[in-house]
């Protein structure tokens, strides 16, 4: 039988081997590499288990592939837009957007993201109002309901939604429900069986065949997408659960941002759902006309639906954030529950502030993930000397993921300003090219200031030793959060 010293020596030797594997074989970001080496040596044995669960490299192969005939169809759709852009025939509804057309071009060509301008957008910042509208649209569905959420809770709101989906399926409406296998883990198997009996097709993203163990636990589908009849789409920050309508007493009021879209941008939400559904269920979705009807919409809002995830070589949403920040001439307004930026975002914000751009960041006053919160607090504090203004939202929990630049372009979606959203999660955002909607989002930010406290440089320097300790630990682990 091995002695304690011999056992420890073996564990230490395994840690050394793992450290060499991380450093020399895996092509990780250097800061993440150093963070994992730290974890391995501080938590011998446990660090190895954490690594197996959380740090495996994700294959860069394309997980989400259209059939050749489908990609050809949508490739032509994209090619028409690219041709219009190249020939100068792509006329913008909002002339103010012309100063930021390079962002549109980056997404159109490099990221193969279409641009539509016949959209209408409705903004929701309150859960009760958002879910009232969502349930109403589901009730009125005539052909299909495609719904994808990161989290669906087994509670009052979650069961209301699932019961409604079962009811619509029994009426003969096609219903497809996709949730993240970790975010939807509280849904009982009996409920899933009942949904399937009613006719609802159910898919779980990155499910595991091993009970209580998932090797892909670190890669979550964080998207929240709903498409109804191919004509109405929803995207934003709200998940499904009682806390999102303010019924969790510990969290209190839940402040989030979600949008309802009508217009051709729904085509892109539908396509994103098809790709996610195909991967999760191995079901080949047919790109039938009923899924992509003529919206007949006469809106004026320009939108690009961008998505990112560890399956992509480029961090698409982060690139949009960096480009938007670098394009700012007057002001940048950011709301995010988690602010753990990488060096490119951090430097872009610092440079913008030093250049005279009014940069404002709003984060929650309370943590739902303590390590992430204290890392956010440190990064915000480190931006204060450069002129960035930081606010903590005090009226409950702020979960919105928005950025508004110069009151002209904006983004609403699922991606936080953190490394996890940039590298590990599957995310989706709507980039909005419209002065009216962007000003509405800017006004919402200004209204939220009434419920916020500014984190001044003086206030930050007064923080206690224990807070400084929590910040230091969280900052070291930031690349892994």
Protein backbone atom coordinates (compact mmCIF):
# COMPACT_ATOMS: atom_id res chain seq x y z
CA UNK A 1 0.00 0.00 0.00
CA UNK A 2 1.33 3.42 -1.00
CA UNK A 3 2.39 5.77 1.75
CA UNK A 4 1.04 9.31 1.97
CA UNK A 5 4.34 10.70 0.70
CA UNK A 6 4.39 8.27 -2.24
CA UNK A 7 0.77 9.14 -3.14
CA UNK A 8 1.51 12.83 -3.00
CA UNK A 9 4.61 12.31 -5.16
CA UNK A 10 2.53 10.52 -7.81
CA UNK A 11 -0.09 13.29 -7.79
CA UNK A 12 2.64 15.91 -8.01
CA UNK A 13 4.25 14.04 -10.92
CA UNK A 14 0.87 13.92 -12.76
CA UNK A 15 0.51 17.66 -12.19
CA UNK A 16 3.96 18.25 -13.71
CA UNK A 17 3.01 16.18 -16.78
CA UNK A 18 -0.31 18.01 -17.12
CA UNK A 19 1.44 21.37 -16.86
CA UNK A 20 3.79 20.40 -19.71
CA UNK A 21 0.82 19.23 -21.80
CA UNK A 22 -0.94 22.55 -21.27
CA UNK A 23 2.17 24.60 -22.05
CA UNK A 24 3.55 22.71 -25.03
CA UNK A 25 0.74 20.76 -26.67
CA UNK A 26 -2.46 22.78 -26.28
CA UNK A 27 -2.80 26.03 -28.17
CA UNK A 28 -4.48 28.06 -25.49
CA UNK A 29 -4.36 31.75 -24.75
CA UNK A 30 -1.18 32.35 -22.66
CA UNK A 31 -3.13 33.87 -19.77
CA UNK A 32 -5.47 30.87 -19.67
CA UNK A 33 -2.46 28.55 -19.80
CA UNK A 34 -0.85 30.23 -16.79
CA UNK A 35 -4.16 30.20 -14.91
CA UNK A 36 -4.52 26.44 -15.42
CA UNK A 37 -0.92 25.81 -14.33
CA UNK A 38 -1.72 27.77 -11.16
CA UNK A 39 -4.85 25.67 -10.53
CA UNK A 40 -2.92 22.43 -11.04
CA UNK A 41 -0.27 23.33 -8.49
CA UNK A 42 -2.53 24.98 -5.92
CA UNK A 43 -5.07 22.12 -6.03
CA UNK A 44 -3.05 18.96 -6.78
CA UNK A 45 -5.30 16.09 -7.78
CA UNK A 46 -8.46 18.20 -7.84
CA UNK A 47 -6.85 20.51 -10.38
CA UNK A 48 -6.39 17.53 -12.69
CA UNK A 49 -10.11 16.67 -12.42
CA UNK A 50 -11.08 20.31 -13.02
CA UNK A 51 -8.89 20.31 -16.10
CA UNK A 52 -10.49 17.18 -17.54
CA UNK A 53 -13.95 18.67 -17.02
CA UNK A 54 -13.37 22.28 -17.99
CA UNK A 55 -10.30 22.75 -20.13
CA UNK A 56 -10.40 20.30 -23.00
CA UNK A 57 -9.74 21.94 -26.33
CA UNK A 58 -12.82 22.24 -28.48
CA UNK A 59 -12.50 20.88 -31.97
CA UNK A 60 -12.42 23.66 -34.55
CA UNK A 61 -14.25 21.54 -37.07
CA UNK A 62 -17.55 23.02 -38.18
CA UNK A 63 -20.25 21.59 -35.96
CA UNK A 64 -23.02 23.42 -37.69
CA UNK A 65 -23.14 22.54 -41.36
CA UNK A 66 -25.90 23.15 -43.82
CA UNK A 67 -26.46 20.61 -46.53
CA UNK A 68 -24.75 21.67 -49.75
CA UNK A 69 -28.05 22.49 -51.47
CA UNK A 70 -29.20 24.57 -48.49
CA UNK A 71 -25.90 26.44 -48.21
CA UNK A 72 -26.06 27.10 -51.93
CA UNK A 73 -29.52 28.64 -51.55
CA UNK A 74 -28.50 30.87 -48.65
CA UNK A 75 -25.10 31.50 -50.21
CA UNK A 76 -26.92 33.11 -53.14
CA UNK A 77 -28.98 35.18 -50.70
CA UNK A 78 -25.77 36.43 -49.13
CA UNK A 79 -24.01 36.88 -52.45
CA UNK A 80 -26.74 39.24 -53.67
CA UNK A 81 -26.18 41.47 -50.66
CA UNK A 82 -22.41 41.39 -51.10
CA UNK A 83 -22.81 42.37 -54.75
CA UNK A 84 -25.08 45.28 -53.81
CA UNK A 85 -22.46 46.46 -51.33
CA UNK A 86 -19.57 46.17 -53.80
CA UNK A 87 -21.44 48.06 -56.54
CA UNK A 88 -22.56 50.84 -54.19
CA UNK A 89 -26.23 49.90 -54.62
CA UNK A 90 -26.80 49.02 -50.97
CA UNK A 91 -28.70 52.10 -49.82
CA UNK A 92 -29.01 52.62 -46.09
CA UNK A 93 -32.34 53.64 -44.59
CA UNK A 94 -30.57 55.58 -41.86
CA UNK A 95 -27.90 57.92 -43.26
CA UNK A 96 -26.31 58.25 -39.82
CA UNK A 97 -25.18 54.63 -40.13
CA UNK A 98 -22.86 55.45 -43.06
CA UNK A 99 -20.08 56.41 -40.64
CA UNK A 100 -20.14 52.88 -39.24
CA UNK A 101 -20.58 50.95 -42.48
CA UNK A 102 -17.23 49.21 -41.99
CA UNK A 103 -18.81 47.18 -39.17
CA UNK A 104 -21.58 46.11 -41.53
CA UNK A 105 -18.97 45.21 -44.15
CA UNK A 106 -16.93 43.12 -41.69
CA UNK A 107 -19.98 41.03 -40.82
CA UNK A 108 -21.25 40.78 -44.39
CA UNK A 109 -18.00 39.54 -45.91
CA UNK A 110 -15.71 38.15 -43.21
CA UNK A 111 -18.45 36.68 -41.01
CA UNK A 112 -20.96 35.85 -43.80
CA UNK A 113 -23.78 37.58 -41.95
CA UNK A 114 -26.61 39.04 -43.99
CA UNK A 115 -27.91 42.58 -43.54
CA UNK A 116 -31.63 43.35 -43.63
CA UNK A 117 -33.37 46.71 -43.36
CA UNK A 118 -37.11 46.02 -43.35
CA UNK A 119 -37.29 45.24 -39.65
CA UNK A 120 -39.32 46.53 -36.74
CA UNK A 121 -37.94 46.17 -33.20
CA UNK A 122 -39.74 46.22 -29.87
CA UNK A 123 -37.61 46.48 -26.72
CA UNK A 124 -38.44 44.72 -23.43
CA UNK A 125 -36.62 45.48 -20.19
CA UNK A 126 -39.13 43.90 -17.78
CA UNK A 127 -39.66 40.15 -17.56
CA UNK A 128 -43.41 40.28 -17.04
CA UNK A 129 -43.89 42.39 -20.17
CA UNK A 130 -41.52 40.26 -22.22
CA UNK A 131 -43.13 36.96 -21.29
CA UNK A 132 -46.64 38.36 -21.73
CA UNK A 133 -45.73 39.25 -25.32
CA UNK A 134 -43.92 35.96 -25.92
CA UNK A 135 -46.81 33.84 -24.65
CA UNK A 136 -49.28 35.90 -26.67
CA UNK A 137 -47.28 35.32 -29.87
CA UNK A 138 -47.01 31.59 -29.14
CA UNK A 139 -50.77 31.41 -28.58
CA UNK A 140 -51.32 32.95 -32.03
CA UNK A 141 -48.86 30.67 -33.87
CA UNK A 142 -50.36 29.17 -37.02
CA UNK A 143 -47.56 27.02 -38.44
CA UNK A 144 -44.52 26.48 -36.24
CA UNK A 145 -42.81 27.45 -32.98
CA UNK A 146 -39.04 27.07 -32.73
CA UNK A 147 -37.75 27.90 -29.26
CA UNK A 148 -34.19 27.74 -27.89
CA UNK A 149 -33.14 28.79 -24.38
CA UNK A 150 -30.04 28.33 -22.28
CA UNK A 151 -32.04 27.90 -19.04
CA UNK A 152 -35.56 26.56 -18.55
CA UNK A 153 -36.49 26.12 -14.90
CA UNK A 154 -38.89 23.58 -13.42
CA UNK A 155 -41.01 26.29 -11.77
CA UNK A 156 -44.17 28.26 -12.37
CA UNK A 157 -43.00 30.21 -15.43
CA UNK A 158 -41.15 27.24 -16.90
CA UNK A 159 -44.17 24.97 -16.55
CA UNK A 160 -46.49 27.61 -17.99
CA UNK A 161 -44.33 27.75 -21.10
CA UNK A 162 -44.02 23.98 -21.45
CA UNK A 163 -47.77 23.48 -20.95
CA UNK A 164 -48.47 26.09 -23.62
CA UNK A 165 -46.06 24.40 -26.04
CA UNK A 166 -47.78 21.04 -25.43
CA UNK A 167 -51.16 22.65 -26.06
CA UNK A 168 -50.01 24.16 -29.37
CA UNK A 169 -48.50 20.83 -30.48
CA UNK A 170 -51.80 19.09 -29.75
CA UNK A 171 -53.48 21.68 -31.98
CA UNK A 172 -51.27 20.52 -34.85
CA UNK A 173 -48.65 23.29 -34.72
CA UNK A 174 -45.06 22.16 -35.25
CA UNK A 175 -43.18 22.78 -31.99
CA UNK A 176 -39.44 22.29 -31.55
CA UNK A 177 -37.91 22.94 -28.12
CA UNK A 178 -34.14 23.14 -27.66
CA UNK A 179 -32.43 23.80 -24.33
CA UNK A 180 -28.92 23.52 -22.98
CA UNK A 181 -28.41 20.20 -21.20
CA UNK A 182 -26.98 21.92 -18.12
CA UNK A 183 -29.34 24.90 -18.15
CA UNK A 184 -32.37 22.62 -18.54
CA UNK A 185 -31.25 19.92 -16.11
CA UNK A 186 -34.07 20.67 -13.65
CA UNK A 187 -36.79 19.67 -16.15
CA UNK A 188 -38.09 16.24 -15.03
CA UNK A 189 -37.93 13.35 -17.46
CA UNK A 190 -41.68 12.87 -16.94
CA UNK A 191 -42.23 16.40 -18.26
CA UNK A 192 -40.07 15.71 -21.30
CA UNK A 193 -42.01 12.49 -21.96
CA UNK A 194 -45.29 14.35 -21.66
CA UNK A 195 -44.11 16.98 -24.13
CA UNK A 196 -43.09 14.31 -26.63
CA UNK A 197 -46.43 12.53 -26.29
CA UNK A 198 -48.20 15.81 -27.07
CA UNK A 199 -46.15 16.15 -30.25
CA UNK A 200 -43.39 18.54 -29.13
CA UNK A 201 -39.97 17.64 -30.50
CA UNK A 202 -37.34 18.12 -27.79
CA UNK A 203 -33.58 18.51 -28.10
CA UNK A 204 -30.85 18.97 -25.49
CA UNK A 205 -27.63 20.71 -26.46
CA UNK A 206 -24.45 18.78 -25.49
CA UNK A 207 -26.26 16.13 -23.50
CA UNK A 208 -24.17 13.41 -21.84
CA UNK A 209 -24.70 9.66 -21.81
CA UNK A 210 -22.94 9.47 -18.44
CA UNK A 211 -25.23 10.40 -15.50
CA UNK A 212 -24.04 13.41 -13.46
CA UNK A 213 -20.94 13.77 -15.65
CA UNK A 214 -20.52 15.87 -18.77
CA UNK A 215 -17.17 16.31 -20.51
CA UNK A 216 -18.58 19.32 -22.38
CA UNK A 217 -19.81 21.08 -19.24
CA UNK A 218 -17.61 24.08 -20.00
CA UNK A 219 -19.18 24.70 -23.41
CA UNK A 220 -22.71 25.96 -23.03
CA UNK A 221 -25.33 27.02 -25.55
CA UNK A 222 -26.11 30.42 -24.05
CA UNK A 223 -28.43 31.53 -26.88
CA UNK A 224 -32.06 32.58 -26.33
CA UNK A 225 -33.90 32.47 -29.66
CA UNK A 226 -37.58 32.10 -30.50
CA UNK A 227 -39.00 32.03 -34.03
CA UNK A 228 -42.76 31.89 -34.60
CA UNK A 229 -44.18 31.15 -38.06
CA UNK A 230 -40.96 32.47 -39.60
CA UNK A 231 -42.28 36.01 -39.10
CA UNK A 232 -41.62 36.87 -35.45
CA UNK A 233 -38.32 36.48 -33.63
CA UNK A 234 -37.08 37.08 -30.08
CA UNK A 235 -33.49 37.41 -28.89
CA UNK A 236 -31.88 38.82 -25.74
CA UNK A 237 -30.92 38.11 -22.16
CA UNK A 238 -34.00 36.61 -20.47
CA UNK A 239 -34.05 32.88 -19.70
CA UNK A 240 -37.14 30.97 -18.56
CA UNK A 241 -37.74 30.88 -14.81
CA UNK A 242 -39.49 32.66 -11.96
CA UNK A 243 -36.42 34.73 -11.07
CA UNK A 244 -36.61 36.42 -14.47
CA UNK A 245 -39.97 37.91 -13.55
CA UNK A 246 -38.74 39.07 -10.14
CA UNK A 247 -40.09 36.20 -8.02
CA UNK A 248 -36.76 35.26 -6.42
CA UNK A 249 -36.69 37.16 -3.11
CA UNK A 250 -32.91 36.92 -2.76
CA UNK A 251 -32.28 38.43 -6.19
CA UNK A 252 -35.23 40.81 -6.29
CA UNK A 253 -36.14 42.71 -9.44
CA UNK A 254 -34.58 41.26 -12.59
CA UNK A 255 -33.49 43.95 -15.05
CA UNK A 256 -32.72 42.56 -18.50
CA UNK A 257 -32.99 43.53 -22.17
CA UNK A 258 -34.74 41.48 -24.86
CA UNK A 259 -36.06 42.43 -28.30
CA UNK A 260 -38.87 41.24 -30.53
CA UNK A 261 -38.11 41.43 -34.26
CA UNK A 262 -40.42 41.37 -37.25
CA UNK A 263 -38.87 41.52 -40.72
CA UNK A 264 -36.24 39.64 -42.68
CA UNK A 265 -33.80 39.46 -39.73
CA UNK A 266 -36.08 36.62 -38.56
CA UNK A 267 -34.65 34.61 -41.48
CA UNK A 268 -31.26 34.73 -39.80
CA UNK A 269 -32.68 33.76 -36.40
CA UNK A 270 -34.44 30.84 -38.07
CA UNK A 271 -31.23 29.74 -39.78
CA UNK A 272 -29.34 29.89 -36.49
CA UNK A 273 -32.00 27.74 -34.84
CA UNK A 274 -31.85 25.21 -37.69
CA UNK A 275 -28.09 24.81 -37.29
CA UNK A 276 -28.29 24.42 -33.51
CA UNK A 277 -31.20 22.00 -33.75
CA UNK A 278 -29.42 19.91 -36.38
CA UNK A 279 -26.35 19.52 -34.20
CA UNK A 280 -28.28 18.71 -31.01
CA UNK A 281 -30.70 16.19 -32.55
CA UNK A 282 -28.94 14.97 -35.74
CA UNK A 283 -32.17 15.82 -37.54
CA UNK A 284 -31.82 17.30 -41.01
CA UNK A 285 -34.08 20.33 -41.23
CA UNK A 286 -35.51 21.02 -44.66
CA UNK A 287 -35.32 24.65 -45.70
CA UNK A 288 -38.95 24.74 -46.78
CA UNK A 289 -40.73 27.95 -47.86
CA UNK A 290 -43.09 27.77 -44.87
CA UNK A 291 -40.11 28.31 -42.57
CA UNK A 292 -39.01 31.37 -44.54
CA UNK A 293 -42.20 33.13 -45.68
CA UNK A 294 -42.32 36.57 -47.24
CA UNK A 295 -42.57 38.77 -44.18
CA UNK A 296 -44.16 41.60 -46.12
CA UNK A 297 -42.73 43.88 -43.46
CA UNK A 298 -42.18 47.58 -44.13
CA UNK A 299 -39.96 48.38 -41.18
CA UNK A 300 -36.87 50.55 -41.48
CA UNK A 301 -34.46 49.08 -38.91
CA UNK A 302 -31.18 47.59 -40.16
CA UNK A 303 -30.05 44.41 -38.38
CA UNK A 304 -27.36 41.77 -38.60
CA UNK A 305 -27.68 38.61 -36.48
CA UNK A 306 -24.17 37.56 -35.45
CA UNK A 307 -23.29 34.37 -33.62
CA UNK A 308 -20.13 32.97 -32.12
CA UNK A 309 -18.91 29.90 -30.29
CA UNK A 310 -15.91 27.66 -29.69
CA UNK A 311 -16.58 25.92 -33.00
CA UNK A 312 -15.49 29.08 -34.84
CA UNK A 313 -11.91 30.14 -35.44
CA UNK A 314 -12.74 33.82 -34.96
CA UNK A 315 -14.42 35.36 -31.93
CA UNK A 316 -17.12 37.06 -34.00
CA UNK A 317 -19.11 38.83 -31.29
CA UNK A 318 -15.98 40.05 -29.54
CA UNK A 319 -14.74 41.42 -32.88
CA UNK A 320 -18.01 43.35 -33.20
CA UNK A 321 -17.61 44.76 -29.69
CA UNK A 322 -14.02 45.84 -30.38
CA UNK A 323 -14.94 47.40 -33.72
CA UNK A 324 -17.91 49.25 -32.23
CA UNK A 325 -15.75 50.62 -29.41
CA UNK A 326 -13.02 51.69 -31.84
CA UNK A 327 -15.62 53.38 -34.07
CA UNK A 328 -17.08 55.51 -31.28
CA UNK A 329 -16.76 59.25 -31.65
CA UNK A 330 -18.93 60.56 -28.81
CA UNK A 331 -20.04 57.95 -26.30
CA UNK A 332 -20.17 54.25 -25.43
CA UNK A 333 -22.80 52.83 -23.08
CA UNK A 334 -22.34 49.25 -21.87
CA UNK A 335 -24.58 47.16 -19.63
CA UNK A 336 -23.38 43.71 -18.64
CA UNK A 337 -23.76 41.43 -15.61
CA UNK A 338 -20.21 40.13 -16.02
CA UNK A 339 -17.30 42.34 -17.06
CA UNK A 340 -14.19 40.18 -17.47
CA UNK A 341 -12.71 41.47 -20.73
CA UNK A 342 -9.64 40.18 -22.49
CA UNK A 343 -6.81 42.55 -23.33
CA UNK A 344 -8.29 43.64 -26.68
CA UNK A 345 -11.58 44.84 -25.14
CA UNK A 346 -9.81 46.36 -22.14
CA UNK A 347 -7.35 48.31 -24.28
CA UNK A 348 -10.03 49.45 -26.71
CA UNK A 349 -12.11 50.91 -23.86
CA UNK A 350 -9.06 52.52 -22.27
CA UNK A 351 -7.98 54.13 -25.53
CA UNK A 352 -11.51 55.34 -26.27
CA UNK A 353 -11.76 57.01 -22.87
CA UNK A 354 -8.32 58.61 -23.19
CA UNK A 355 -9.36 59.91 -26.62
CA UNK A 356 -12.25 61.86 -25.12
CA UNK A 357 -15.07 59.38 -25.75
CA UNK A 358 -17.59 59.27 -22.90
CA UNK A 359 -17.33 55.60 -21.84
CA UNK A 360 -19.84 54.34 -19.27
CA UNK A 361 -20.17 50.79 -17.94
CA UNK A 362 -22.99 49.51 -15.73
CA UNK A 363 -22.72 46.27 -13.75
CA UNK A 364 -24.88 44.74 -10.99
CA UNK A 365 -24.39 45.74 -7.36
CA UNK A 366 -24.77 42.13 -6.22
CA UNK A 367 -23.17 38.91 -7.47
CA UNK A 368 -24.92 35.78 -8.68
CA UNK A 369 -21.46 34.30 -9.41
CA UNK A 370 -19.08 35.67 -6.73
CA UNK A 371 -15.76 35.00 -8.49
CA UNK A 372 -17.01 36.62 -11.69
CA UNK A 373 -18.40 39.58 -9.75
CA UNK A 374 -15.14 40.36 -7.97
CA UNK A 375 -13.17 39.95 -11.19
CA UNK A 376 -15.62 42.39 -12.82
CA UNK A 377 -15.12 44.81 -9.94
CA UNK A 378 -11.34 44.69 -10.38
CA UNK A 379 -11.44 45.25 -14.15
CA UNK A 380 -13.86 48.16 -13.73
CA UNK A 381 -11.67 49.67 -11.03
CA UNK A 382 -8.64 49.38 -13.27
CA UNK A 383 -10.38 51.45 -15.98
CA UNK A 384 -11.31 54.32 -13.66
CA UNK A 385 -7.95 56.16 -13.89
CA UNK A 386 -8.39 56.45 -17.66
CA UNK A 387 -11.71 58.28 -17.41
CA UNK A 388 -14.14 55.39 -17.78
CA UNK A 389 -17.26 55.91 -15.65
CA UNK A 390 -18.57 52.83 -13.84
CA UNK A 391 -21.97 52.39 -12.18
CA UNK A 392 -23.43 49.63 -10.03
CA UNK A 393 -27.13 48.97 -10.57
CA UNK A 394 -28.86 48.87 -7.17
CA UNK A 395 -32.49 48.03 -8.02
CA UNK A 396 -32.18 44.23 -8.11
CA UNK A 397 -29.98 42.33 -10.56
CA UNK A 398 -28.80 43.72 -13.90
CA UNK A 399 -28.55 40.99 -16.56
CA UNK A 400 -28.77 43.07 -19.76
CA UNK A 401 -26.08 42.58 -22.42
CA UNK A 402 -26.12 45.78 -24.48
CA UNK A 403 -23.77 48.30 -26.03
CA UNK A 404 -24.79 51.59 -27.64
CA UNK A 405 -22.32 53.68 -29.65
CA UNK A 406 -22.99 57.37 -30.39
CA UNK A 407 -26.73 56.73 -30.29
CA UNK A 408 -26.51 55.29 -33.83
CA UNK A 409 -25.50 51.62 -33.65
CA UNK A 410 -26.15 49.14 -30.86
CA UNK A 411 -26.15 45.49 -29.90
CA UNK A 412 -28.64 43.42 -27.90
CA UNK A 413 -28.14 39.74 -27.31
CA UNK A 414 -26.83 36.96 -25.12
CA UNK A 415 -23.08 37.68 -24.99
CA UNK A 416 -21.61 39.24 -21.87
CA UNK A 417 -18.42 41.29 -21.85
CA UNK A 418 -16.38 38.39 -20.57
CA UNK A 419 -13.92 35.80 -21.80
CA UNK A 420 -16.45 32.98 -21.35
CA UNK A 421 -18.88 34.58 -23.80
CA UNK A 422 -16.08 35.34 -26.25
CA UNK A 423 -14.41 31.91 -26.24
CA UNK A 424 -16.50 29.19 -24.60
CA UNK A 425 -20.23 29.86 -24.93
CA UNK A 426 -22.39 29.65 -28.03
CA UNK A 427 -23.87 33.15 -28.25
CA UNK A 428 -26.10 35.27 -30.49
CA UNK A 429 -26.46 39.05 -30.80
CA UNK A 430 -28.48 41.45 -32.93
CA UNK A 431 -26.33 44.30 -34.24
CA UNK A 432 -28.74 47.17 -34.80
CA UNK A 433 -28.02 49.95 -37.31
CA UNK A 434 -30.68 52.49 -36.47
CA UNK A 435 -30.63 55.83 -34.69
CA UNK A 436 -34.15 55.58 -33.27
CA UNK A 437 -33.68 52.17 -31.62
CA UNK A 438 -30.16 53.03 -30.46
CA UNK A 439 -31.37 56.24 -28.81
CA UNK A 440 -34.15 54.27 -27.10
CA UNK A 441 -31.52 51.91 -25.68
CA UNK A 442 -29.36 54.88 -24.65
CA UNK A 443 -32.33 56.43 -22.87
CA UNK A 444 -32.93 53.15 -21.03
CA UNK A 445 -29.32 53.28 -19.83
CA UNK A 446 -29.81 56.87 -18.64
CA UNK A 447 -33.00 55.90 -16.82
CA UNK A 448 -31.13 53.07 -15.09
CA UNK A 449 -28.64 55.63 -13.77
CA UNK A 450 -31.43 56.77 -11.43
CA UNK A 451 -31.14 53.37 -9.71
CA UNK A 452 -27.35 53.20 -9.75
CA UNK A 453 -24.36 54.42 -7.76
CA UNK A 454 -21.23 55.67 -9.50
CA UNK A 455 -18.09 53.77 -8.56
CA UNK A 456 -15.69 56.67 -8.29
CA UNK A 457 -11.92 56.35 -8.02
CA UNK A 458 -12.08 57.54 -4.40
CA UNK A 459 -14.77 55.02 -3.48
CA UNK A 460 -12.88 52.20 -5.15
CA UNK A 461 -9.66 52.99 -3.29
CA UNK A 462 -11.52 52.86 0.02
CA UNK A 463 -12.47 49.19 -0.38
CA UNK A 464 -11.36 46.91 2.43
CA UNK A 465 -8.53 44.39 2.55
CA UNK A 466 -10.89 41.41 2.24
CA UNK A 467 -12.43 42.83 -0.96
CA UNK A 468 -8.93 43.40 -2.35
CA UNK A 469 -8.08 39.77 -1.56
CA UNK A 470 -11.22 38.48 -3.32
CA UNK A 471 -10.42 40.68 -6.33
CA UNK A 472 -6.86 39.38 -6.53
CA UNK A 473 -7.89 35.71 -6.47
CA UNK A 474 -10.72 36.30 -8.96
CA UNK A 475 -8.45 38.24 -11.29
CA UNK A 476 -5.94 35.36 -11.42
CA UNK A 477 -8.76 32.95 -12.30
CA UNK A 478 -10.42 35.38 -14.74
CA UNK A 479 -9.34 33.49 -17.91
CA UNK A 480 -11.10 30.37 -16.57
CA UNK A 481 -14.35 32.03 -15.42
